[in-house]
Amino acid sequence: MQEHHTPVTGGVAVKKYSLDPYIDFKHSMQEMIEAREIRDVRANWDYLHELISCYLKLNPKNTHKFIISAFADIIVCLLSSPSPEPDTHWKPEGLQQHKVSRLLV
């Protein structure tokens, strides 16, 4: 069952029940980061900060541990990945296997 909420920066928050919130949040965040083609954490920190802030604001407090863990794992992966060549399609190692079709915000 899904409930639609107030639009958030051009989107709509959709309530979703999950058997594995960590994986679902991680996939959702990865999709957002890949869509922006973010490779450099330092150069894109403002966007990443806004991303984590939105997830925390829009989700119940009991999910924050999953959101923070997923975000931290993605950041560590981004920081440990070598800088890609400008014309190559980049995906951080360990994250490349997963795609998400829905946003969990």
N, C-alpha and C. Protein backbone atom coordinates (compact mmCIF):
# COMPACT_ATOMS: atom_id res chain seq x y z
N MET A 1 0.84 -1.18 0.00
CA MET A 1 0.00 0.00 0.00
C MET A 1 0.89 1.25 0.00
N GLN A 2 0.60 2.19 -0.84
CA GLN A 2 1.39 3.40 -0.94
C GLN A 2 0.52 4.61 -0.64
N GLU A 3 1.12 5.59 0.04
CA GLU A 3 0.44 6.84 0.31
C GLU A 3 1.26 7.97 -0.31
N HIS A 4 0.60 8.86 -1.00
CA HIS A 4 1.30 10.00 -1.59
C HIS A 4 1.33 11.14 -0.59
N HIS A 5 2.45 11.83 -0.53
CA HIS A 5 2.65 12.94 0.38
C HIS A 5 2.91 14.21 -0.41
N THR A 6 3.19 15.27 0.30
CA THR A 6 3.46 16.56 -0.31
C THR A 6 4.66 16.47 -1.26
N PRO A 7 4.62 17.14 -2.40
CA PRO A 7 5.75 17.14 -3.31
C PRO A 7 7.02 17.66 -2.64
N VAL A 8 8.14 17.03 -2.97
CA VAL A 8 9.43 17.40 -2.41
C VAL A 8 10.36 17.72 -3.56
N THR A 9 10.73 18.96 -3.71
CA THR A 9 11.64 19.40 -4.75
C THR A 9 11.34 18.74 -6.10
N GLY A 10 10.12 18.89 -6.53
CA GLY A 10 9.75 18.36 -7.83
C GLY A 10 9.35 16.90 -7.82
N GLY A 11 9.30 16.27 -6.67
CA GLY A 11 8.94 14.86 -6.58
C GLY A 11 7.82 14.66 -5.59
N VAL A 12 7.44 13.44 -5.42
CA VAL A 12 6.41 13.08 -4.47
C VAL A 12 6.97 11.99 -3.57
N ALA A 13 6.88 12.20 -2.26
CA ALA A 13 7.31 11.17 -1.32
C ALA A 13 6.26 10.08 -1.30
N VAL A 14 6.70 8.84 -1.37
CA VAL A 14 5.79 7.70 -1.38
C VAL A 14 6.16 6.78 -0.21
N LYS A 15 5.19 6.47 0.62
CA LYS A 15 5.43 5.58 1.74
C LYS A 15 5.58 4.16 1.20
N LYS A 16 6.64 3.48 1.63
CA LYS A 16 6.92 2.13 1.15
C LYS A 16 7.30 1.27 2.34
N TYR A 17 6.76 0.08 2.38
CA TYR A 17 7.14 -0.88 3.41
C TYR A 17 8.26 -1.74 2.86
N SER A 18 9.26 -2.00 3.69
CA SER A 18 10.45 -2.69 3.22
C SER A 18 10.84 -3.81 4.17
N LEU A 19 11.25 -4.92 3.59
CA LEU A 19 11.80 -6.01 4.40
C LEU A 19 13.26 -5.75 4.74
N ASP A 20 13.94 -4.94 3.93
CA ASP A 20 15.35 -4.60 4.17
C ASP A 20 15.56 -3.11 3.90
N PRO A 21 15.24 -2.26 4.88
CA PRO A 21 15.33 -0.81 4.66
C PRO A 21 16.74 -0.34 4.30
N TYR A 22 17.77 -0.94 4.88
CA TYR A 22 19.14 -0.54 4.56
C TYR A 22 19.39 -0.67 3.06
N ILE A 23 19.10 -1.83 2.50
CA ILE A 23 19.33 -2.06 1.07
C ILE A 23 18.47 -1.13 0.23
N ASP A 24 17.22 -0.96 0.60
CA ASP A 24 16.34 -0.09 -0.19
C ASP A 24 16.81 1.36 -0.16
N PHE A 25 17.20 1.86 1.01
CA PHE A 25 17.72 3.23 1.08
C PHE A 25 19.03 3.36 0.32
N LYS A 26 19.90 2.37 0.44
CA LYS A 26 21.18 2.40 -0.26
C LYS A 26 20.97 2.45 -1.77
N HIS A 27 20.09 1.60 -2.26
CA HIS A 27 19.81 1.59 -3.71
C HIS A 27 19.21 2.92 -4.17
N SER A 28 18.31 3.43 -3.39
CA SER A 28 17.66 4.69 -3.73
C SER A 28 18.68 5.83 -3.79
N MET A 29 19.52 5.91 -2.77
CA MET A 29 20.54 6.97 -2.75
C MET A 29 21.53 6.79 -3.89
N GLN A 30 21.92 5.56 -4.15
CA GLN A 30 22.85 5.30 -5.24
C GLN A 30 22.27 5.77 -6.56
N GLU A 31 20.99 5.50 -6.76
CA GLU A 31 20.33 5.94 -8.00
C GLU A 31 20.38 7.46 -8.14
N MET A 32 20.14 8.16 -7.04
CA MET A 32 20.19 9.63 -7.06
C MET A 32 21.59 10.12 -7.38
N ILE A 33 22.59 9.49 -6.79
CA ILE A 33 23.99 9.88 -7.00
C ILE A 33 24.42 9.56 -8.42
N GLU A 34 24.04 8.40 -8.93
CA GLU A 34 24.38 8.03 -10.31
C GLU A 34 23.71 8.96 -11.31
N ALA A 35 22.48 9.37 -11.03
CA ALA A 35 21.77 10.27 -11.94
C ALA A 35 22.50 11.60 -12.08
N ARG A 36 23.16 12.02 -11.02
CA ARG A 36 23.93 13.27 -11.04
C ARG A 36 25.37 13.05 -11.48
N GLU A 37 25.73 11.79 -11.73
CA GLU A 37 27.09 11.41 -12.13
C GLU A 37 28.13 11.95 -11.15
N ILE A 38 27.85 11.81 -9.87
CA ILE A 38 28.76 12.30 -8.83
C ILE A 38 29.91 11.34 -8.65
N ARG A 39 31.10 11.86 -8.77
CA ARG A 39 32.32 11.08 -8.62
C ARG A 39 33.20 11.64 -7.51
N ASP A 40 33.08 12.93 -7.26
CA ASP A 40 33.94 13.61 -6.31
C ASP A 40 33.11 14.07 -5.11
N VAL A 41 33.31 13.42 -3.98
CA VAL A 41 32.54 13.72 -2.77
C VAL A 41 32.77 15.17 -2.34
N ARG A 42 34.01 15.60 -2.32
CA ARG A 42 34.33 16.95 -1.85
C ARG A 42 33.71 18.02 -2.73
N ALA A 43 33.77 17.83 -4.03
CA ALA A 43 33.24 18.83 -4.96
C ALA A 43 31.71 18.86 -4.95
N ASN A 44 31.09 17.78 -4.50
CA ASN A 44 29.63 17.68 -4.53
C ASN A 44 29.03 17.54 -3.13
N TRP A 45 29.78 17.95 -2.12
CA TRP A 45 29.31 17.75 -0.76
C TRP A 45 27.99 18.47 -0.48
N ASP A 46 27.78 19.64 -1.04
CA ASP A 46 26.52 20.36 -0.80
C ASP A 46 25.32 19.52 -1.25
N TYR A 47 25.42 18.92 -2.43
CA TYR A 47 24.34 18.07 -2.91
C TYR A 47 24.18 16.84 -2.02
N LEU A 48 25.28 16.20 -1.66
CA LEU A 48 25.22 15.00 -0.82
C LEU A 48 24.63 15.33 0.56
N HIS A 49 24.99 16.48 1.09
CA HIS A 49 24.44 16.91 2.37
C HIS A 49 22.93 17.13 2.25
N GLU A 50 22.50 17.75 1.16
CA GLU A 50 21.07 17.97 0.93
C GLU A 50 20.35 16.63 0.77
N LEU A 51 20.98 15.68 0.09
CA LEU A 51 20.39 14.37 -0.11
C LEU A 51 20.15 13.66 1.22
N ILE A 52 21.16 13.57 2.06
CA ILE A 52 21.00 12.89 3.35
C ILE A 52 20.01 13.64 4.23
N SER A 53 20.03 14.95 4.18
CA SER A 53 19.09 15.75 4.97
C SER A 53 17.65 15.46 4.57
N CYS A 54 17.39 15.36 3.28
CA CYS A 54 16.04 15.07 2.81
C CYS A 54 15.58 13.69 3.27
N TYR A 55 16.45 12.70 3.15
CA TYR A 55 16.08 11.36 3.61
C TYR A 55 15.75 11.36 5.10
N LEU A 56 16.54 12.07 5.88
CA LEU A 56 16.31 12.10 7.33
C LEU A 56 15.04 12.87 7.68
N LYS A 57 14.78 13.96 6.98
CA LYS A 57 13.59 14.77 7.27
C LYS A 57 12.30 14.06 6.86
N LEU A 58 12.36 13.31 5.77
CA LEU A 58 11.15 12.73 5.20
C LEU A 58 10.82 11.32 5.69
N ASN A 59 11.70 10.76 6.48
CA ASN A 59 11.48 9.39 6.95
C ASN A 59 11.43 9.35 8.47
N PRO A 60 10.69 8.38 9.02
CA PRO A 60 10.55 8.29 10.47
C PRO A 60 11.89 8.04 11.17
N LYS A 61 11.95 8.49 12.40
CA LYS A 61 13.19 8.39 13.18
C LYS A 61 13.70 6.95 13.29
N ASN A 62 12.80 5.98 13.34
CA ASN A 62 13.26 4.60 13.47
C ASN A 62 13.96 4.07 12.22
N THR A 63 13.93 4.82 11.11
CA THR A 63 14.66 4.41 9.89
C THR A 63 15.99 5.14 9.74
N HIS A 64 16.25 6.11 10.60
CA HIS A 64 17.47 6.92 10.46
C HIS A 64 18.75 6.10 10.52
N LYS A 65 18.77 5.04 11.33
CA LYS A 65 19.98 4.21 11.42
C LYS A 65 20.27 3.55 10.07
N PHE A 66 19.24 3.17 9.33
CA PHE A 66 19.43 2.56 8.02
C PHE A 66 19.89 3.60 6.99
N ILE A 67 19.31 4.77 7.07
CA ILE A 67 19.66 5.86 6.15
C ILE A 67 21.11 6.27 6.34
N ILE A 68 21.51 6.48 7.59
CA ILE A 68 22.88 6.91 7.89
C ILE A 68 23.87 5.83 7.51
N SER A 69 23.57 4.58 7.80
CA SER A 69 24.47 3.47 7.44
C SER A 69 24.63 3.37 5.92
N ALA A 70 23.54 3.45 5.20
CA ALA A 70 23.59 3.36 3.74
C ALA A 70 24.39 4.53 3.15
N PHE A 71 24.12 5.73 3.65
CA PHE A 71 24.83 6.92 3.17
C PHE A 71 26.33 6.80 3.45
N ALA A 72 26.68 6.40 4.66
CA ALA A 72 28.09 6.26 5.02
C ALA A 72 28.79 5.24 4.13
N ASP A 73 28.15 4.11 3.86
CA ASP A 73 28.75 3.10 3.00
C ASP A 73 28.97 3.62 1.59
N ILE A 74 28.02 4.37 1.08
CA ILE A 74 28.18 4.95 -0.27
C ILE A 74 29.32 5.95 -0.29
N ILE A 75 29.39 6.80 0.72
CA ILE A 75 30.46 7.81 0.77
C ILE A 75 31.82 7.15 0.85
N VAL A 76 31.96 6.13 1.69
CA VAL A 76 33.24 5.40 1.81
C VAL A 76 33.61 4.79 0.46
N CYS A 77 32.64 4.22 -0.21
CA CYS A 77 32.88 3.63 -1.52
C CYS A 77 33.32 4.69 -2.54
N LEU A 78 32.65 5.83 -2.52
CA LEU A 78 33.02 6.93 -3.43
C LEU A 78 34.43 7.42 -3.15
N LEU A 79 34.76 7.57 -1.88
CA LEU A 79 36.08 8.07 -1.50
C LEU A 79 37.19 7.07 -1.81
N SER A 80 36.88 5.79 -1.81
CA SER A 80 37.91 4.78 -2.05
C SER A 80 38.04 4.41 -3.53
N SER A 81 37.14 4.90 -4.36
CA SER A 81 37.20 4.61 -5.79
C SER A 81 38.21 5.54 -6.46
N PRO A 82 39.02 4.99 -7.38
CA PRO A 82 39.95 5.85 -8.11
C PRO A 82 39.18 6.83 -9.00
N SER A 83 39.79 7.96 -9.27
CA SER A 83 39.15 8.95 -10.16
C SER A 83 39.03 8.35 -11.55
N PRO A 84 37.83 8.34 -12.11
CA PRO A 84 37.63 7.78 -13.45
C PRO A 84 38.08 8.75 -14.52
N GLU A 85 38.28 8.19 -15.69
CA GLU A 85 38.58 9.03 -16.85
C GLU A 85 37.33 9.84 -17.18
N PRO A 86 37.46 11.05 -17.70
CA PRO A 86 36.30 11.91 -17.95
C PRO A 86 35.22 11.29 -18.84
N ASP A 87 35.58 10.45 -19.80
CA ASP A 87 34.60 9.93 -20.74
C ASP A 87 34.10 8.53 -20.39
N THR A 88 34.48 8.00 -19.25
CA THR A 88 34.02 6.66 -18.91
C THR A 88 32.79 6.73 -18.03
N HIS A 89 31.98 5.69 -18.11
CA HIS A 89 30.78 5.61 -17.26
C HIS A 89 31.22 5.02 -15.93
N TRP A 90 30.98 5.72 -14.86
CA TRP A 90 31.50 5.36 -13.55
C TRP A 90 30.43 4.79 -12.65
N LYS A 91 30.80 3.73 -11.96
CA LYS A 91 29.99 3.21 -10.86
C LYS A 91 30.97 2.72 -9.80
N PRO A 92 30.77 3.12 -8.55
CA PRO A 92 31.70 2.69 -7.52
C PRO A 92 31.65 1.17 -7.35
N GLU A 93 32.82 0.59 -7.14
CA GLU A 93 32.91 -0.85 -6.95
C GLU A 93 32.06 -1.26 -5.77
N GLY A 94 31.34 -2.34 -5.91
CA GLY A 94 30.48 -2.82 -4.84
C GLY A 94 29.07 -2.26 -4.92
N LEU A 95 28.87 -1.21 -5.67
CA LEU A 95 27.54 -0.63 -5.80
C LEU A 95 26.96 -0.88 -7.18
N GLN A 96 27.78 -1.33 -8.10
CA GLN A 96 27.37 -1.40 -9.48
C GLN A 96 26.30 -2.45 -9.78
N GLN A 97 26.06 -3.39 -8.89
CA GLN A 97 25.13 -4.45 -9.18
C GLN A 97 23.68 -4.06 -8.99
N HIS A 98 23.39 -2.98 -8.29
CA HIS A 98 22.03 -2.69 -7.88
C HIS A 98 21.45 -1.47 -8.57
N LYS A 99 20.21 -1.58 -8.97
CA LYS A 99 19.45 -0.46 -9.53
C LYS A 99 18.11 -0.40 -8.80
N VAL A 100 17.58 0.79 -8.64
CA VAL A 100 16.31 0.96 -7.97
C VAL A 100 15.39 1.72 -8.89
N SER A 101 14.15 1.37 -8.90
CA SER A 101 13.20 2.06 -9.76
C SER A 101 12.37 3.07 -8.98
N ARG A 102 12.53 3.12 -7.67
CA ARG A 102 11.67 3.98 -6.87
C ARG A 102 12.51 4.67 -5.79
N LEU A 103 12.15 5.87 -5.46
CA LEU A 103 12.82 6.67 -4.44
C LEU A 103 12.15 6.47 -3.10
N LEU A 104 12.92 6.31 -2.05
CA LEU A 104 12.36 6.11 -0.71
C LEU A 104 12.39 7.37 0.10
N VAL A 105 11.95 8.45 -0.44
CA VAL A 105 11.90 9.69 0.35
C VAL A 105 10.48 10.07 0.61
